[in-house]
PDB file of all heavy atoms in Angstrom:
ATOM      1  N   TRP A   1      15.077   7.167   6.528  1.00  0.00           N
ATOM      2  CA  TRP A   1      13.932   7.809   5.960  1.00  0.00           C
ATOM      3  C   TRP A   1      13.903   9.284   6.398  1.00  0.00           C
ATOM      4  O   TRP A   1      14.242   9.624   7.529  1.00  0.00           O
ATOM      5  CB  TRP A   1      12.677   7.245   6.369  1.00  0.00           C
ATOM      6  CG  TRP A   1      12.496   5.708   6.123  1.00  0.00           C
ATOM      7  CD1 TRP A   1      13.088   4.706   6.752  1.00  0.00           C
ATOM      8  CD2 TRP A   1      11.581   5.137   5.131  1.00  0.00           C
ATOM      9  NE1 TRP A   1      12.697   3.468   6.248  1.00  0.00           N
ATOM     10  CE2 TRP A   1      11.757   3.735   5.261  1.00  0.00           C
ATOM     11  CE3 TRP A   1      10.730   5.631   4.195  1.00  0.00           C
ATOM     12  CZ2 TRP A   1      11.044   2.761   4.493  1.00  0.00           C
ATOM     13  CZ3 TRP A   1      10.009   4.743   3.436  1.00  0.00           C
ATOM     14  CH2 TRP A   1      10.164   3.334   3.560  1.00  0.00           C
ATOM     15  N   GLY A   2      13.471  10.163   5.468  1.00  0.00           N
ATOM     16  CA  GLY A   2      13.115  11.508   5.879  1.00  0.00           C
ATOM     17  C   GLY A   2      14.299  12.490   5.805  1.00  0.00           C
ATOM     18  O   GLY A   2      15.390  12.204   5.268  1.00  0.00           O
ATOM     19  N   ASP A   3      14.088  13.676   6.428  1.00  0.00           N
ATOM     20  CA  ASP A   3      15.005  14.785   6.296  1.00  0.00           C
ATOM     21  C   ASP A   3      16.246  14.537   7.182  1.00  0.00           C
ATOM     22  O   ASP A   3      16.091  14.374   8.441  1.00  0.00           O
ATOM     23  CB  ASP A   3      14.300  16.048   6.822  1.00  0.00           C
ATOM     24  CG  ASP A   3      15.192  17.332   6.714  1.00  0.00           C
ATOM     25  OD1 ASP A   3      16.372  17.173   6.344  1.00  0.00           O
ATOM     26  OD2 ASP A   3      14.625  18.412   7.072  1.00  0.00           O
ATOM     27  N   ILE A   4      17.399  14.499   6.634  1.00  0.00           N
ATOM     28  CA  ILE A   4      18.618  14.181   7.425  1.00  0.00           C
ATOM     29  C   ILE A   4      18.953  15.307   8.405  1.00  0.00           C
ATOM     30  O   ILE A   4      19.693  15.113   9.358  1.00  0.00           O
ATOM     31  CB  ILE A   4      19.849  13.952   6.516  1.00  0.00           C
ATOM     32  CG1 ILE A   4      20.205  15.216   5.734  1.00  0.00           C
ATOM     33  CG2 ILE A   4      19.622  12.733   5.617  1.00  0.00           C
ATOM     34  CD1 ILE A   4      21.516  15.068   4.944  1.00  0.00           C
ATOM     35  N   ASN A   5      18.303  16.511   8.280  1.00  0.00           N
ATOM     36  CA  ASN A   5      18.542  17.535   9.244  1.00  0.00           C
ATOM     37  C   ASN A   5      17.520  17.645  10.344  1.00  0.00           C
ATOM     38  O   ASN A   5      17.614  18.523  11.164  1.00  0.00           O
ATOM     39  CB  ASN A   5      18.551  18.886   8.445  1.00  0.00           C
ATOM     40  CG  ASN A   5      19.705  18.993   7.470  1.00  0.00           C
ATOM     41  OD1 ASN A   5      20.872  18.665   7.860  1.00  0.00           O
ATOM     42  ND2 ASN A   5      19.416  19.406   6.273  1.00  0.00           N
ATOM     43  N   SER A   6      16.517  16.682  10.325  1.00  0.00           N
ATOM     44  CA  SER A   6      15.533  16.724  11.409  1.00  0.00           C
ATOM     45  C   SER A   6      16.135  16.484  12.770  1.00  0.00           C
ATOM     46  O   SER A   6      17.022  15.655  12.885  1.00  0.00           O
ATOM     47  CB  SER A   6      14.439  15.707  11.080  1.00  0.00           C
ATOM     48  OG  SER A   6      13.534  15.594  12.175  1.00  0.00           O
ATOM     49  N   GLN A   7      15.704  17.245  13.743  1.00  0.00           N
ATOM     50  CA  GLN A   7      16.172  17.071  15.087  1.00  0.00           C
ATOM     51  C   GLN A   7      15.475  15.990  15.808  1.00  0.00           C
ATOM     52  O   GLN A   7      15.839  15.615  16.958  1.00  0.00           O
ATOM     53  CB  GLN A   7      16.047  18.423  15.841  1.00  0.00           C
ATOM     54  CG  GLN A   7      16.917  19.520  15.267  1.00  0.00           C
ATOM     55  CD  GLN A   7      18.349  19.188  15.193  1.00  0.00           C
ATOM     56  OE1 GLN A   7      18.984  18.852  16.183  1.00  0.00           O
ATOM     57  NE2 GLN A   7      18.912  19.111  14.008  1.00  0.00           N
ATOM     58  N   ARG A   8      14.366  15.441  15.255  1.00  0.00           N
ATOM     59  CA  ARG A   8      13.622  14.362  15.884  1.00  0.00           C
ATOM     60  C   ARG A   8      13.932  13.099  15.122  1.00  0.00           C
ATOM     61  O   ARG A   8      13.658  12.977  13.895  1.00  0.00           O
ATOM     62  CB  ARG A   8      12.109  14.620  15.894  1.00  0.00           C
ATOM     63  CG  ARG A   8      11.691  15.869  16.657  1.00  0.00           C
ATOM     64  CD  ARG A   8      10.233  15.985  16.849  1.00  0.00           C
ATOM     65  NE  ARG A   8       9.675  14.959  17.725  1.00  0.00           N
ATOM     66  CZ  ARG A   8       8.362  14.790  18.022  1.00  0.00           C
ATOM     67  NH1 ARG A   8       7.523  15.665  17.510  1.00  0.00           N
ATOM     68  NH2 ARG A   8       8.004  13.916  18.891  1.00  0.00           N
ATOM     69  N   VAL A   9      14.491  12.108  15.812  1.00  0.00           N
ATOM     70  CA  VAL A   9      14.934  10.908  15.116  1.00  0.00           C
ATOM     71  C   VAL A   9      14.343   9.705  15.880  1.00  0.00           C
ATOM     72  O   VAL A   9      14.370   9.666  17.106  1.00  0.00           O
ATOM     73  CB  VAL A   9      16.481  10.799  15.165  1.00  0.00           C
ATOM     74  CG1 VAL A   9      16.948   9.491  14.517  1.00  0.00           C
ATOM     75  CG2 VAL A   9      17.124  11.976  14.471  1.00  0.00           C
ATOM     76  N   ALA A  10      13.770   8.774  15.026  1.00  0.00           N
ATOM     77  CA  ALA A  10      13.234   7.541  15.567  1.00  0.00           C
ATOM     78  C   ALA A  10      14.061   6.407  15.041  1.00  0.00           C
ATOM     79  O   ALA A  10      14.525   6.435  13.884  1.00  0.00           O
ATOM     80  CB  ALA A  10      11.747   7.378  15.163  1.00  0.00           C
ATOM     81  N   VAL A  11      14.224   5.387  15.841  1.00  0.00           N
ATOM     82  CA  VAL A  11      14.873   4.113  15.472  1.00  0.00           C
ATOM     83  C   VAL A  11      13.889   3.008  15.680  1.00  0.00           C
ATOM     84  O   VAL A  11      13.337   2.846  16.763  1.00  0.00           O
ATOM     85  CB  VAL A  11      16.195   3.904  16.284  1.00  0.00           C
ATOM     86  CG1 VAL A  11      16.798   2.552  15.928  1.00  0.00           C
ATOM     87  CG2 VAL A  11      17.163   5.032  16.078  1.00  0.00           C
ATOM     88  N   CYS A  12      13.720   2.180  14.656  1.00  0.00           N
ATOM     89  CA  CYS A  12      12.714   1.079  14.722  1.00  0.00           C
ATOM     90  C   CYS A  12      13.510  -0.267  14.591  1.00  0.00           C
ATOM     91  O   CYS A  12      14.278  -0.410  13.598  1.00  0.00           O
ATOM     92  CB  CYS A  12      11.705   1.194  13.578  1.00  0.00           C
ATOM     93  SG  CYS A  12      10.764   2.732  13.579  1.00  0.00           S
ATOM     94  N   VAL A  13      13.245  -1.186  15.481  1.00  0.00           N
ATOM     95  CA  VAL A  13      13.887  -2.499  15.441  1.00  0.00           C
ATOM     96  C   VAL A  13      12.838  -3.643  15.569  1.00  0.00           C
ATOM     97  O   VAL A  13      11.945  -3.606  16.443  1.00  0.00           O
ATOM     98  CB  VAL A  13      14.963  -2.650  16.526  1.00  0.00           C
ATOM     99  CG1 VAL A  13      15.638  -4.039  16.479  1.00  0.00           C
ATOM    100  CG2 VAL A  13      15.988  -1.521  16.383  1.00  0.00           C
ATOM    101  N   HIS A  14      12.964  -4.565  14.733  1.00  0.00           N
ATOM    102  CA  HIS A  14      11.992  -5.656  14.536  1.00  0.00           C
ATOM    103  C   HIS A  14      12.086  -6.780  15.582  1.00  0.00           C
ATOM    104  O   HIS A  14      12.904  -6.815  16.420  1.00  0.00           O
ATOM    105  CB  HIS A  14      12.157  -6.267  13.083  1.00  0.00           C
ATOM    106  CG  HIS A  14      13.579  -6.719  12.918  1.00  0.00           C
ATOM    107  ND1 HIS A  14      14.053  -7.896  13.426  1.00  0.00           N
ATOM    108  CD2 HIS A  14      14.613  -6.171  12.210  1.00  0.00           C
ATOM    109  CE1 HIS A  14      15.346  -8.047  13.048  1.00  0.00           C
ATOM    110  NE2 HIS A  14      15.698  -7.038  12.348  1.00  0.00           N
ATOM    111  N   GLY A  15      11.190  -7.773  15.340  1.00  0.00           N
ATOM    112  CA  GLY A  15      11.142  -8.945  16.232  1.00  0.00           C
ATOM    113  C   GLY A  15      12.188 -10.056  15.795  1.00  0.00           C
ATOM    114  O   GLY A  15      12.940  -9.829  14.881  1.00  0.00           O
ATOM    115  N   LEU A  16      12.121 -11.146  16.537  1.00  0.00           N
ATOM    116  CA  LEU A  16      13.119 -12.150  16.457  1.00  0.00           C
ATOM    117  C   LEU A  16      13.508 -12.631  15.081  1.00  0.00           C
ATOM    118  O   LEU A  16      14.666 -12.691  14.725  1.00  0.00           O
ATOM    119  CB  LEU A  16      12.712 -13.375  17.308  1.00  0.00           C
ATOM    120  CG  LEU A  16      13.656 -14.544  17.384  1.00  0.00           C
ATOM    121  CD1 LEU A  16      14.988 -14.130  18.064  1.00  0.00           C
ATOM    122  CD2 LEU A  16      12.991 -15.669  18.200  1.00  0.00           C
ATOM    123  N   THR A  17      12.534 -12.905  14.236  1.00  0.00           N
ATOM    124  CA  THR A  17      12.845 -13.411  12.881  1.00  0.00           C
ATOM    125  C   THR A  17      12.410 -12.448  11.800  1.00  0.00           C
ATOM    126  O   THR A  17      12.376 -12.847  10.630  1.00  0.00           O
ATOM    127  CB  THR A  17      12.155 -14.773  12.664  1.00  0.00           C
ATOM    128  OG1 THR A  17      10.725 -14.541  12.523  1.00  0.00           O
ATOM    129  CG2 THR A  17      12.358 -15.751  13.780  1.00  0.00           C
ATOM    130  N   ARG A  18      12.073 -11.229  12.145  1.00  0.00           N
ATOM    131  CA  ARG A  18      11.503 -10.316  11.206  1.00  0.00           C
ATOM    132  C   ARG A  18      12.616  -9.383  10.670  1.00  0.00           C
ATOM    133  O   ARG A  18      13.794  -9.668  10.722  1.00  0.00           O
ATOM    134  CB  ARG A  18      10.402  -9.448  11.810  1.00  0.00           C
ATOM    135  CG  ARG A  18       9.246 -10.352  12.294  1.00  0.00           C
ATOM    136  CD  ARG A  18       8.552 -11.095  11.142  1.00  0.00           C
ATOM    137  NE  ARG A  18       8.246 -10.200  10.098  1.00  0.00           N
ATOM    138  CZ  ARG A  18       8.065 -10.630   8.826  1.00  0.00           C
ATOM    139  NH1 ARG A  18       8.223 -11.837   8.514  1.00  0.00           N
ATOM    140  NH2 ARG A  18       7.694  -9.732   7.930  1.00  0.00           N
ATOM    141  N   ASN A  19      12.259  -8.302   9.978  1.00  0.00           N
ATOM    142  CA  ASN A  19      13.219  -7.410   9.319  1.00  0.00           C
ATOM    143  C   ASN A  19      12.702  -6.028   9.238  1.00  0.00           C
ATOM    144  O   ASN A  19      11.558  -5.755   9.584  1.00  0.00           O
ATOM    145  CB  ASN A  19      13.573  -7.961   7.934  1.00  0.00           C
ATOM    146  CG  ASN A  19      12.476  -7.924   7.016  1.00  0.00           C
ATOM    147  OD1 ASN A  19      12.100  -6.896   6.440  1.00  0.00           O
ATOM    148  ND2 ASN A  19      11.881  -9.125   6.676  1.00  0.00           N
ATOM    149  N   ALA A  20      13.536  -5.090   8.735  1.00  0.00           N
ATOM    150  CA  ALA A  20      13.250  -3.686   8.748  1.00  0.00           C
ATOM    151  C   ALA A  20      11.996  -3.307   7.968  1.00  0.00           C
ATOM    152  O   ALA A  20      11.356  -2.287   8.290  1.00  0.00           O
ATOM    153  CB  ALA A  20      14.447  -2.931   8.221  1.00  0.00           C
ATOM    154  N   HIS A  21      11.616  -4.087   6.997  1.00  0.00           N
ATOM    155  CA  HIS A  21      10.462  -3.717   6.127  1.00  0.00           C
ATOM    156  C   HIS A  21       9.178  -3.787   6.886  1.00  0.00           C
ATOM    157  O   HIS A  21       8.183  -3.249   6.407  1.00  0.00           O
ATOM    158  CB  HIS A  21      10.442  -4.608   4.889  1.00  0.00           C
ATOM    159  CG  HIS A  21      11.528  -4.272   3.922  1.00  0.00           C
ATOM    160  ND1 HIS A  21      11.653  -3.002   3.346  1.00  0.00           N
ATOM    161  CD2 HIS A  21      12.524  -5.041   3.377  1.00  0.00           C
ATOM    162  CE1 HIS A  21      12.690  -3.009   2.506  1.00  0.00           C
ATOM    163  NE2 HIS A  21      13.193  -4.195   2.519  1.00  0.00           N
ATOM    164  N   ASP A  22       9.148  -4.443   8.087  1.00  0.00           N
ATOM    165  CA  ASP A  22       7.945  -4.385   8.893  1.00  0.00           C
ATOM    166  C   ASP A  22       7.534  -2.961   9.269  1.00  0.00           C
ATOM    167  O   ASP A  22       6.358  -2.669   9.596  1.00  0.00           O
ATOM    168  CB  ASP A  22       8.138  -5.157  10.196  1.00  0.00           C
ATOM    169  CG  ASP A  22       8.137  -6.666   9.968  1.00  0.00           C
ATOM    170  OD1 ASP A  22       7.866  -7.127   8.877  1.00  0.00           O
ATOM    171  OD2 ASP A  22       8.304  -7.392  10.966  1.00  0.00           O
ATOM    172  N   PHE A  23       8.512  -1.982   9.155  1.00  0.00           N
ATOM    173  CA  PHE A  23       8.260  -0.636   9.612  1.00  0.00           C
ATOM    174  C   PHE A  23       8.135   0.313   8.425  1.00  0.00           C
ATOM    175  O   PHE A  23       8.108   1.563   8.619  1.00  0.00           O
ATOM    176  CB  PHE A  23       9.359  -0.176  10.523  1.00  0.00           C
ATOM    177  CG  PHE A  23       9.491  -0.951  11.771  1.00  0.00           C
ATOM    178  CD1 PHE A  23      10.552  -1.825  11.964  1.00  0.00           C
ATOM    179  CD2 PHE A  23       8.541  -0.772  12.794  1.00  0.00           C
ATOM    180  CE1 PHE A  23      10.675  -2.564  13.161  1.00  0.00           C
ATOM    181  CE2 PHE A  23       8.723  -1.462  13.997  1.00  0.00           C
ATOM    182  CZ  PHE A  23       9.706  -2.393  14.123  1.00  0.00           C
ATOM    183  N   ASP A  24       8.011  -0.181   7.232  1.00  0.00           N
ATOM    184  CA  ASP A  24       7.894   0.758   6.053  1.00  0.00           C
ATOM    185  C   ASP A  24       6.765   1.775   6.178  1.00  0.00           C
ATOM    186  O   ASP A  24       7.012   2.950   5.966  1.00  0.00           O
ATOM    187  CB  ASP A  24       7.771  -0.052   4.748  1.00  0.00           C
ATOM    188  CG  ASP A  24       9.067  -0.746   4.308  1.00  0.00           C
ATOM    189  OD1 ASP A  24      10.135  -0.521   4.954  1.00  0.00           O
ATOM    190  OD2 ASP A  24       9.036  -1.546   3.313  1.00  0.00           O
ATOM    191  N   ALA A  25       5.609   1.240   6.520  1.00  0.00           N
ATOM    192  CA  ALA A  25       4.442   2.149   6.573  1.00  0.00           C
ATOM    193  C   ALA A  25       4.607   3.106   7.775  1.00  0.00           C
ATOM    194  O   ALA A  25       4.276   4.297   7.695  1.00  0.00           O
ATOM    195  CB  ALA A  25       3.167   1.335   6.664  1.00  0.00           C
ATOM    196  N   LEU A  26       5.068   2.553   8.874  1.00  0.00           N
ATOM    197  CA  LEU A  26       5.188   3.362  10.122  1.00  0.00           C
ATOM    198  C   LEU A  26       6.220   4.454   9.879  1.00  0.00           C
ATOM    199  O   LEU A  26       6.039   5.634  10.286  1.00  0.00           O
ATOM    200  CB  LEU A  26       5.596   2.536  11.339  1.00  0.00           C
ATOM    201  CG  LEU A  26       5.896   3.266  12.615  1.00  0.00           C
ATOM    202  CD1 LEU A  26       4.694   4.012  13.085  1.00  0.00           C
ATOM    203  CD2 LEU A  26       6.400   2.325  13.692  1.00  0.00           C
ATOM    204  N   ALA A  27       7.346   4.114   9.186  1.00  0.00           N
ATOM    205  CA  ALA A  27       8.394   5.077   8.970  1.00  0.00           C
ATOM    206  C   ALA A  27       7.863   6.238   8.158  1.00  0.00           C
ATOM    207  O   ALA A  27       8.149   7.393   8.390  1.00  0.00           O
ATOM    208  CB  ALA A  27       9.562   4.388   8.214  1.00  0.00           C
ATOM    209  N   GLN A  28       7.032   5.954   7.119  1.00  0.00           N
ATOM    210  CA  GLN A  28       6.485   7.012   6.266  1.00  0.00           C
ATOM    211  C   GLN A  28       5.583   7.947   7.099  1.00  0.00           C
ATOM    212  O   GLN A  28       5.605   9.200   6.883  1.00  0.00           O
ATOM    213  CB  GLN A  28       5.776   6.435   5.108  1.00  0.00           C
ATOM    214  CG  GLN A  28       6.703   5.721   4.111  1.00  0.00           C
ATOM    215  CD  GLN A  28       5.998   5.109   2.985  1.00  0.00           C
ATOM    216  OE1 GLN A  28       5.368   5.769   2.166  1.00  0.00           O
ATOM    217  NE2 GLN A  28       6.061   3.784   2.883  1.00  0.00           N
ATOM    218  N   ALA A  29       4.812   7.340   8.028  1.00  0.00           N
ATOM    219  CA  ALA A  29       3.915   8.142   8.876  1.00  0.00           C
ATOM    220  C   ALA A  29       4.757   9.045   9.817  1.00  0.00           C
ATOM    221  O   ALA A  29       4.478  10.159  10.053  1.00  0.00           O
ATOM    222  CB  ALA A  29       2.975   7.215   9.644  1.00  0.00           C
ATOM    223  N   LEU A  30       5.857   8.465  10.347  1.00  0.00           N
ATOM    224  CA  LEU A  30       6.690   9.288  11.273  1.00  0.00           C
ATOM    225  C   LEU A  30       7.453  10.378  10.522  1.00  0.00           C
ATOM    226  O   LEU A  30       7.588  11.502  10.981  1.00  0.00           O
ATOM    227  CB  LEU A  30       7.690   8.359  11.908  1.00  0.00           C
ATOM    228  CG  LEU A  30       7.133   7.338  12.938  1.00  0.00           C
ATOM    229  CD1 LEU A  30       8.173   6.337  13.371  1.00  0.00           C
ATOM    230  CD2 LEU A  30       6.571   8.112  14.134  1.00  0.00           C
ATOM    231  N   VAL A  31       7.828  10.089   9.271  1.00  0.00           N
ATOM    232  CA  VAL A  31       8.464  11.136   8.436  1.00  0.00           C
ATOM    233  C   VAL A  31       7.426  12.283   8.120  1.00  0.00           C
ATOM    234  O   VAL A  31       7.854  13.447   8.242  1.00  0.00           O
ATOM    235  CB  VAL A  31       8.993  10.572   7.139  1.00  0.00           C
ATOM    236  CG1 VAL A  31       9.352  11.675   6.115  1.00  0.00           C
ATOM    237  CG2 VAL A  31      10.195   9.652   7.349  1.00  0.00           C
ATOM    238  N   ALA A  32       6.215  11.927   7.976  1.00  0.00           N
ATOM    239  CA  ALA A  32       5.184  12.977   7.665  1.00  0.00           C
ATOM    240  C   ALA A  32       4.999  13.855   8.904  1.00  0.00           C
ATOM    241  O   ALA A  32       4.495  14.992   8.777  1.00  0.00           O
ATOM    242  CB  ALA A  32       3.900  12.264   7.287  1.00  0.00           C
ATOM    243  N   LYS A  33       5.418  13.296  10.061  1.00  0.00           N
ATOM    244  CA  LYS A  33       5.307  14.083  11.309  1.00  0.00           C
ATOM    245  C   LYS A  33       6.602  14.876  11.604  1.00  0.00           C
ATOM    246  O   LYS A  33       6.724  15.472  12.647  1.00  0.00           O
ATOM    247  CB  LYS A  33       5.033  13.188  12.518  1.00  0.00           C
ATOM    248  CG  LYS A  33       3.682  12.515  12.419  1.00  0.00           C
ATOM    249  CD  LYS A  33       2.514  13.368  12.902  1.00  0.00           C
ATOM    250  CE  LYS A  33       1.248  12.597  13.027  1.00  0.00           C
ATOM    251  NZ  LYS A  33       0.171  13.419  13.699  1.00  0.00           N
ATOM    252  N   GLY A  34       7.535  14.808  10.624  1.00  0.00           N
ATOM    253  CA  GLY A  34       8.729  15.624  10.744  1.00  0.00           C
ATOM    254  C   GLY A  34       9.961  14.938  11.295  1.00  0.00           C
ATOM    255  O   GLY A  34      10.954  15.564  11.608  1.00  0.00           O
ATOM    256  N   ARG A  35       9.914  13.665  11.333  1.00  0.00           N
ATOM    257  CA  ARG A  35      11.055  12.870  11.851  1.00  0.00           C
ATOM    258  C   ARG A  35      11.951  12.330  10.777  1.00  0.00           C
ATOM    259  O   ARG A  35      11.491  12.080   9.689  1.00  0.00           O
ATOM    260  CB  ARG A  35      10.583  11.720  12.788  1.00  0.00           C
ATOM    261  CG  ARG A  35       9.856  12.149  14.056  1.00  0.00           C
ATOM    262  CD  ARG A  35       9.267  10.966  14.735  1.00  0.00           C
ATOM    263  NE  ARG A  35       8.663  11.281  15.997  1.00  0.00           N
ATOM    264  CZ  ARG A  35       7.485  11.797  16.197  1.00  0.00           C
ATOM    265  NH1 ARG A  35       6.736  12.052  15.092  1.00  0.00           N
ATOM    266  NH2 ARG A  35       6.998  12.114  17.317  1.00  0.00           N
ATOM    267  N   ARG A  36      13.183  12.086  11.183  1.00  0.00           N
ATOM    268  CA  ARG A  36      14.086  11.189  10.454  1.00  0.00           C
ATOM    269  C   ARG A  36      13.970   9.855  11.115  1.00  0.00           C
ATOM    270  O   ARG A  36      13.903   9.719  12.354  1.00  0.00           O
ATOM    271  CB  ARG A  36      15.501  11.684  10.534  1.00  0.00           C
ATOM    272  CG  ARG A  36      16.510  10.834   9.758  1.00  0.00           C
ATOM    273  CD  ARG A  36      17.914  11.402   9.928  1.00  0.00           C
ATOM    274  NE  ARG A  36      18.909  10.738   9.083  1.00  0.00           N
ATOM    275  CZ  ARG A  36      20.195  10.964   9.076  1.00  0.00           C
ATOM    276  NH1 ARG A  36      20.734  11.933   9.884  1.00  0.00           N
ATOM    277  NH2 ARG A  36      21.011  10.277   8.308  1.00  0.00           N
ATOM    278  N   VAL A  37      13.870   8.767  10.325  1.00  0.00           N
ATOM    279  CA  VAL A  37      13.597   7.452  10.873  1.00  0.00           C
ATOM    280  C   VAL A  37      14.666   6.422  10.340  1.00  0.00           C
ATOM    281  O   VAL A  37      14.898   6.361   9.108  1.00  0.00           O
ATOM    282  CB  VAL A  37      12.203   6.951  10.491  1.00  0.00           C
ATOM    283  CG1 VAL A  37      11.855   5.597  11.097  1.00  0.00           C
ATOM    284  CG2 VAL A  37      11.142   7.975  10.919  1.00  0.00           C
ATOM    285  N   PHE A  38      15.194   5.701  11.253  1.00  0.00           N
ATOM    286  CA  PHE A  38      16.109   4.580  10.874  1.00  0.00           C
ATOM    287  C   PHE A  38      15.372   3.240  11.186  1.00  0.00           C
ATOM    288  O   PHE A  38      14.872   3.107  12.294  1.00  0.00           O
ATOM    289  CB  PHE A  38      17.403   4.603  11.713  1.00  0.00           C
ATOM    290  CG  PHE A  38      18.274   5.716  11.332  1.00  0.00           C
ATOM    291  CD1 PHE A  38      18.150   6.997  11.827  1.00  0.00           C
ATOM    292  CD2 PHE A  38      19.394   5.481  10.420  1.00  0.00           C
ATOM    293  CE1 PHE A  38      19.045   8.027  11.467  1.00  0.00           C
ATOM    294  CE2 PHE A  38      20.255   6.526  10.071  1.00  0.00           C
ATOM    295  CZ  PHE A  38      20.092   7.834  10.630  1.00  0.00           C
ATOM    296  N   THR A  39      15.324   2.369  10.156  1.00  0.00           N
ATOM    297  CA  THR A  39      14.725   1.051  10.310  1.00  0.00           C
ATOM    298  C   THR A  39      15.855   0.098  10.146  1.00  0.00           C
ATOM    299  O   THR A  39      16.399  -0.025   9.031  1.00  0.00           O
ATOM    300  CB  THR A  39      13.547   0.830   9.409  1.00  0.00           C
ATOM    301  OG1 THR A  39      13.944   1.057   8.048  1.00  0.00           O
ATOM    302  CG2 THR A  39      12.391   1.793   9.714  1.00  0.00           C
ATOM    303  N   LEU A  40      16.136  -0.703  11.155  1.00  0.00           N
ATOM    304  CA  LEU A  40      17.312  -1.587  11.139  1.00  0.00           C
ATOM    305  C   LEU A  40      16.977  -3.041  10.884  1.00  0.00           C
ATOM    306  O   LEU A  40      15.939  -3.571  11.281  1.00  0.00           O
ATOM    307  CB  LEU A  40      17.967  -1.523  12.513  1.00  0.00           C
ATOM    308  CG  LEU A  40      18.908  -0.352  12.877  1.00  0.00           C
ATOM    309  CD1 LEU A  40      18.292   0.987  12.616  1.00  0.00           C
ATOM    310  CD2 LEU A  40      19.496  -0.502  14.263  1.00  0.00           C
ATOM    311  N   ASN A  41      17.863  -3.642  10.114  1.00  0.00           N
ATOM    312  CA  ASN A  41      17.913  -5.133   9.946  1.00  0.00           C
ATOM    313  C   ASN A  41      18.992  -5.668  10.921  1.00  0.00           C
ATOM    314  O   ASN A  41      20.205  -5.342  10.730  1.00  0.00           O
ATOM    315  CB  ASN A  41      18.320  -5.579   8.544  1.00  0.00           C
ATOM    316  CG  ASN A  41      17.188  -5.309   7.511  1.00  0.00           C
ATOM    317  OD1 ASN A  41      16.050  -5.828   7.707  1.00  0.00           O
ATOM    318  ND2 ASN A  41      17.560  -4.590   6.497  1.00  0.00           N
ATOM    319  N   MET A  42      18.616  -6.432  11.912  1.00  0.00           N
ATOM    320  CA  MET A  42      19.602  -6.984  12.776  1.00  0.00           C
ATOM    321  C   MET A  42      20.376  -8.091  12.024  1.00  0.00           C
ATOM    322  O   MET A  42      19.901  -8.558  10.947  1.00  0.00           O
ATOM    323  CB  MET A  42      18.996  -7.535  14.001  1.00  0.00           C
ATOM    324  CG  MET A  42      18.231  -6.542  14.849  1.00  0.00           C
ATOM    325  SD  MET A  42      19.168  -4.984  15.129  1.00  0.00           S
ATOM    326  CE  MET A  42      20.565  -5.594  16.022  1.00  0.00           C
ATOM    327  N   ALA A  43      21.522  -8.438  12.485  1.00  0.00           N
ATOM    328  CA  ALA A  43      22.414  -9.419  11.817  1.00  0.00           C
ATOM    329  C   ALA A  43      21.575 -10.737  11.552  1.00  0.00           C
ATOM    330  O   ALA A  43      20.752 -11.201  12.409  1.00  0.00           O
ATOM    331  CB  ALA A  43      23.571  -9.821  12.702  1.00  0.00           C
ATOM    332  N   GLY A  44      21.687 -11.279  10.339  1.00  0.00           N
ATOM    333  CA  GLY A  44      20.964 -12.460   9.982  1.00  0.00           C
ATOM    334  C   GLY A  44      19.483 -12.233   9.517  1.00  0.00           C
ATOM    335  O   GLY A  44      18.856 -13.213   9.235  1.00  0.00           O
TER     336      GLY A  44
END
């Protein structure tokens, strides 16, 4: 999410059985603060 040139980068990782979409709203809020955000789906 966000500007690929941003110098502030956040990485979000979910709980045991969850997935990256748990952070959709948070990612948008972090982007609005100037960050690039990666939300990961762990294997499975």
